[in-house]
Amino acid sequence: MVSPMDECWKVTVNRDTCVGSGVCIGTAPRYFRLDDNRSRPIAENVDPDEDVLAAADTCPTESIIVRDAAGNQLAPPEEILPPLNTMG
């Protein structure tokens, strides 16, 4: 069995929502850089590293998405909506 820590992660940054705060660079400088005042991953595919998850979790605009090899979103946590009230 392969654990999530044994596989490659895909890192993307939504440059339309990124405000260029630089929090990701301060948190995970080996993985992010600023390009035209917006964050960009240095590499799209990375080895699992808690610093990458921390950068995504602390991004003020949640512009950094980290997915595992199966495409499951690891960070930031996906919003879980409460069930709709169908009783009236």
Protein backbone atom coordinates (compact mmCIF):
# COMPACT_ATOMS: atom_id res chain seq x y z
CA MET A 1 0.00 0.00 0.00
CA VAL A 2 1.31 3.45 -0.94
CA SER A 3 0.81 6.16 1.64
CA PRO A 4 0.18 9.78 0.58
CA MET A 5 3.63 10.68 1.88
CA ASP A 6 5.27 8.25 -0.61
CA GLU A 7 3.86 9.80 -3.76
CA CYS A 8 4.29 12.97 -5.76
CA TRP A 9 2.07 15.99 -5.07
CA LYS A 10 0.83 18.50 -7.64
CA VAL A 11 1.01 22.16 -6.60
CA THR A 12 -0.91 24.89 -8.40
CA VAL A 13 -1.42 28.58 -7.70
CA ASN A 14 -4.46 30.49 -8.89
CA ARG A 15 -2.72 33.62 -10.10
CA ASP A 16 -6.06 35.40 -10.54
CA THR A 17 -6.75 35.28 -6.80
CA CYS A 18 -3.16 35.50 -5.52
CA VAL A 19 -2.37 38.89 -4.00
CA GLY A 20 1.39 38.35 -3.81
CA SER A 21 1.60 38.52 -0.02
CA GLY A 22 4.69 36.29 -0.04
CA VAL A 23 3.48 34.18 2.89
CA CYS A 24 4.12 31.04 0.80
CA ILE A 25 7.71 32.09 0.14
CA GLY A 26 8.28 32.73 3.81
CA THR A 27 6.75 29.36 4.69
CA ALA A 28 8.15 27.20 1.87
CA PRO A 29 10.89 29.11 0.01
CA ARG A 30 12.14 25.95 -1.74
CA TYR A 31 8.76 25.58 -3.47
CA PHE A 32 7.47 29.06 -4.34
CA ARG A 33 8.69 32.28 -5.95
CA LEU A 34 7.13 35.59 -6.90
CA ASP A 35 6.73 36.27 -10.60
CA ASP A 36 5.07 39.56 -11.64
CA ASN A 37 4.03 40.09 -8.00
CA ARG A 38 2.17 36.77 -7.89
CA SER A 39 3.18 33.42 -6.46
CA ARG A 40 4.26 30.60 -8.72
CA PRO A 41 5.36 27.09 -7.77
CA ILE A 42 9.00 26.45 -8.63
CA ALA A 43 7.94 22.96 -9.76
CA GLU A 44 4.41 21.70 -10.41
CA ASN A 45 5.17 18.21 -9.08
CA VAL A 46 6.91 17.94 -5.72
CA ASP A 47 7.82 15.32 -3.19
CA PRO A 48 5.52 15.41 -0.16
CA ASP A 49 6.61 18.05 2.33
CA GLU A 50 4.74 19.52 5.29
CA ASP A 51 6.05 22.98 4.31
CA VAL A 52 4.00 22.83 1.08
CA LEU A 53 0.84 22.02 3.04
CA ALA A 54 1.61 24.81 5.51
CA ALA A 55 2.03 27.30 2.65
CA ALA A 56 -1.35 26.32 1.21
CA ASP A 57 -3.03 26.42 4.61
CA THR A 58 -1.64 29.88 5.44
CA CYS A 59 -2.25 31.50 2.04
CA PRO A 60 -4.54 34.46 2.83
CA THR A 61 -6.53 33.96 -0.38
CA GLU A 62 -6.39 30.13 -0.50
CA SER A 63 -4.80 30.43 -3.94
CA ILE A 64 -2.45 27.46 -3.45
CA ILE A 65 -3.92 24.02 -4.09
CA VAL A 66 -2.03 20.82 -3.24
CA ARG A 67 -3.30 17.52 -4.65
CA ASP A 68 -2.05 13.98 -4.25
CA ALA A 69 -1.28 11.67 -7.18
CA ALA A 70 -4.92 10.53 -7.29
CA GLY A 71 -6.13 14.14 -7.58
CA ASN A 72 -7.47 14.42 -4.03
CA GLN A 73 -7.11 17.90 -2.58
CA LEU A 74 -4.78 17.85 0.43
CA ALA A 75 -4.69 21.58 1.13
CA PRO A 76 -6.31 23.86 1.81
CA PRO A 77 -9.12 21.81 3.31
CA GLU A 78 -12.11 21.70 0.99
CA GLU A 79 -15.11 23.51 2.40
CA ILE A 80 -17.73 21.11 3.66
CA LEU A 81 -21.17 22.59 3.27
CA PRO A 82 -23.97 21.64 5.65
CA PRO A 83 -26.82 19.62 4.14
CA LEU A 84 -29.64 21.62 2.64
CA ASN A 85 -32.75 21.83 4.76
CA THR A 86 -35.29 19.99 2.64
CA MET A 87 -37.95 19.92 5.34
CA GLY A 88 -39.31 23.27 4.54
